[in-house]
Amino acid sequence: MLKPNAFNSISIIVIFCLIFISGCTDYDYDTPDTPANLDGFTRHLKMEVTSDVDSVYYYADEMGSDVIYMLNFKCREQTVQNIIDQLNLNSFTQTYCGITPRGDLSWWDNHNVLNLPGWSRRTDDYYRYLWYDQTRGHVYYLEFSM
């Protein structure tokens, strides 16, 4: 039989774990256009999904003190420009963005992304990067904290 203090400690740990897990972002990293992925698009890009946006993939890592979010989707060039304007991103030419995104996602090509035209914005310790593959109509979006 557990002593009252041990029971209270276990209860607190279980409650903490449930709160922590429930606070994590819902997503489906290997299935496009799920409601959770579309919600990730809206939340991070600060705009509604337009009719030209398709094949939205989303990944979120919120464990630990730093976060990382990755999006990939197809859209027209005008939508890319709207996102750049909405997020106040600036053109950049660097070939390294400060972290290495996950390389095991079928929809994220680490080798190709850094050679694409890109836009970024840093606010304190928060970073946003966007690359656009004009020939394929693909957007790669990376958001993280350090």
Protein backbone atom coordinates (compact mmCIF):
# COMPACT_ATOMS: atom_id res chain seq x y z
CA MET A 1 0.00 0.00 0.00
CA LEU A 2 1.27 3.47 -0.90
CA LYS A 3 1.80 6.02 1.78
CA PRO A 4 -0.20 9.25 1.36
CA ASN A 5 2.94 11.24 0.44
CA ALA A 6 3.96 8.72 -2.22
CA PHE A 7 0.45 8.74 -3.68
CA ASN A 8 0.44 12.54 -3.82
CA SER A 9 3.84 12.55 -5.59
CA ILE A 10 2.69 10.01 -8.16
CA SER A 11 -0.55 11.96 -8.73
CA ILE A 12 1.37 15.17 -9.32
CA ILE A 13 3.69 13.45 -11.80
CA VAL A 14 0.78 11.90 -13.73
CA ILE A 15 -1.09 15.21 -13.85
CA PHE A 16 2.06 17.03 -15.03
CA CYS A 17 2.60 14.45 -17.79
CA LEU A 18 -1.00 14.70 -18.97
CA ILE A 19 -0.84 18.49 -19.09
CA PHE A 20 2.49 18.39 -20.92
CA ILE A 21 1.29 15.88 -23.52
CA SER A 22 -2.00 17.69 -24.10
CA GLY A 23 -0.13 20.94 -24.77
CA CYS A 24 1.84 19.51 -27.70
CA THR A 25 0.79 20.34 -31.24
CA ASP A 26 -1.24 17.75 -33.13
CA TYR A 27 0.04 16.88 -36.62
CA ASP A 28 0.53 14.02 -39.07
CA TYR A 29 3.99 14.29 -40.58
CA ASP A 30 3.55 11.67 -43.29
CA THR A 31 0.01 12.38 -44.52
CA PRO A 32 -0.69 15.64 -46.36
CA ASP A 33 -3.65 17.97 -45.87
CA THR A 34 -4.90 16.59 -42.56
CA PRO A 35 -6.93 19.06 -40.48
CA ALA A 36 -4.02 19.29 -37.99
CA ASN A 37 -1.53 20.03 -40.80
CA LEU A 38 -3.80 22.71 -42.27
CA ASP A 39 -4.15 24.20 -38.79
CA GLY A 40 -0.34 24.27 -38.53
CA PHE A 41 -0.22 26.16 -41.82
CA THR A 42 -2.68 28.77 -40.53
CA ARG A 43 -1.03 29.13 -37.14
CA HIS A 44 2.56 29.52 -38.36
CA LEU A 45 2.04 31.39 -41.62
CA LYS A 46 -0.59 33.73 -40.13
CA MET A 47 -3.01 33.27 -43.02
CA GLU A 48 -5.80 30.97 -44.09
CA VAL A 49 -5.15 28.14 -46.52
CA THR A 50 -5.98 29.45 -50.00
CA SER A 51 -7.42 27.38 -52.87
CA ASP A 52 -4.02 27.01 -54.57
CA VAL A 53 -2.36 25.47 -51.48
CA ASP A 54 -2.05 21.70 -51.71
CA SER A 55 -0.13 18.80 -50.17
CA VAL A 56 0.48 20.45 -46.79
CA TYR A 57 2.93 18.46 -44.69
CA TYR A 58 3.68 19.54 -41.13
CA TYR A 59 6.10 18.52 -38.39
CA ALA A 60 6.40 19.92 -34.85
CA ASP A 61 8.99 19.22 -32.16
CA GLU A 62 8.06 20.98 -28.95
CA MET A 63 10.01 18.81 -26.54
CA GLY A 64 12.57 20.67 -24.47
CA SER A 65 13.18 24.38 -24.30
CA ASP A 66 13.65 24.91 -28.05
CA VAL A 67 10.96 24.27 -30.65
CA ILE A 68 11.07 23.46 -34.34
CA TYR A 69 8.26 23.51 -36.91
CA MET A 70 8.56 22.41 -40.52
CA LEU A 71 6.03 22.82 -43.33
CA ASN A 72 6.10 21.80 -46.98
CA PHE A 73 3.35 22.51 -49.47
CA LYS A 74 2.61 23.44 -53.08
CA CYS A 75 1.21 26.82 -54.09
CA ARG A 76 1.37 29.63 -56.63
CA GLU A 77 4.08 32.28 -56.51
CA GLN A 78 1.54 34.95 -55.45
CA THR A 79 0.74 32.97 -52.30
CA VAL A 80 4.47 32.75 -51.52
CA GLN A 81 4.68 36.54 -51.85
CA ASN A 82 1.67 36.95 -49.56
CA ILE A 83 3.35 34.76 -46.91
CA ILE A 84 6.61 36.72 -47.22
CA ASP A 85 4.70 39.97 -46.76
CA GLN A 86 2.55 38.62 -43.90
CA LEU A 87 5.58 37.38 -41.95
CA ASN A 88 7.76 40.35 -42.90
CA LEU A 89 10.51 38.11 -44.27
CA ASN A 90 13.65 39.42 -46.00
CA SER A 91 15.60 37.85 -48.84
CA PHE A 92 18.83 36.08 -47.85
CA THR A 93 21.65 34.28 -49.63
CA GLN A 94 23.27 32.21 -46.89
CA THR A 95 23.51 28.44 -47.30
CA TYR A 96 23.09 27.56 -43.61
CA CYS A 97 20.17 28.55 -41.43
CA GLY A 98 21.54 27.82 -37.96
CA ILE A 99 20.21 24.28 -37.49
CA THR A 100 19.91 21.15 -39.57
CA PRO A 101 16.25 20.24 -40.11
CA ARG A 102 15.16 16.63 -39.85
CA GLY A 103 16.50 14.71 -42.79
CA ASP A 104 14.22 11.67 -42.54
CA LEU A 105 11.02 13.33 -43.75
CA SER A 106 10.22 12.29 -47.31
CA TRP A 107 8.87 15.76 -48.13
CA TRP A 108 11.91 17.75 -46.88
CA ASP A 109 15.05 17.75 -49.03
CA ASN A 110 17.91 19.20 -46.94
CA HIS A 111 20.31 19.13 -49.90
CA ASN A 112 18.00 20.99 -52.28
CA VAL A 113 16.42 23.46 -49.84
CA LEU A 114 19.52 25.48 -49.03
CA ASN A 115 20.18 26.08 -52.75
CA LEU A 116 16.74 27.62 -53.31
CA PRO A 117 15.85 31.32 -53.09
CA GLY A 118 15.10 32.05 -49.45
CA TRP A 119 13.62 34.61 -47.08
CA SER A 120 14.06 34.85 -43.34
CA ARG A 121 13.40 36.84 -40.21
CA ARG A 122 14.93 36.70 -36.76
CA THR A 123 13.21 38.09 -33.69
CA ASP A 124 15.33 37.70 -30.54
CA ASP A 125 15.95 33.95 -30.33
CA TYR A 126 13.15 33.01 -32.77
CA TYR A 127 13.86 32.27 -36.44
CA ARG A 128 11.68 31.90 -39.53
CA TYR A 129 12.95 30.66 -42.90
CA LEU A 130 11.10 30.13 -46.17
CA TRP A 131 12.46 28.68 -49.41
CA TYR A 132 10.59 28.45 -52.68
CA ASP A 133 11.24 25.96 -55.45
CA GLN A 134 9.75 27.83 -58.38
CA THR A 135 10.12 24.95 -60.86
CA ARG A 136 8.12 22.54 -58.66
CA GLY A 137 5.94 25.11 -56.90
CA HIS A 138 7.06 23.83 -53.47
CA VAL A 139 7.48 25.89 -50.33
CA TYR A 140 9.72 24.79 -47.48
CA TYR A 141 9.11 26.63 -44.21
CA LEU A 142 11.22 26.27 -41.08
CA GLU A 143 10.50 27.98 -37.77
CA PHE A 144 12.56 27.42 -34.62
CA SER A 145 13.84 28.90 -31.39
CA MET A 146 17.35 28.77 -29.94
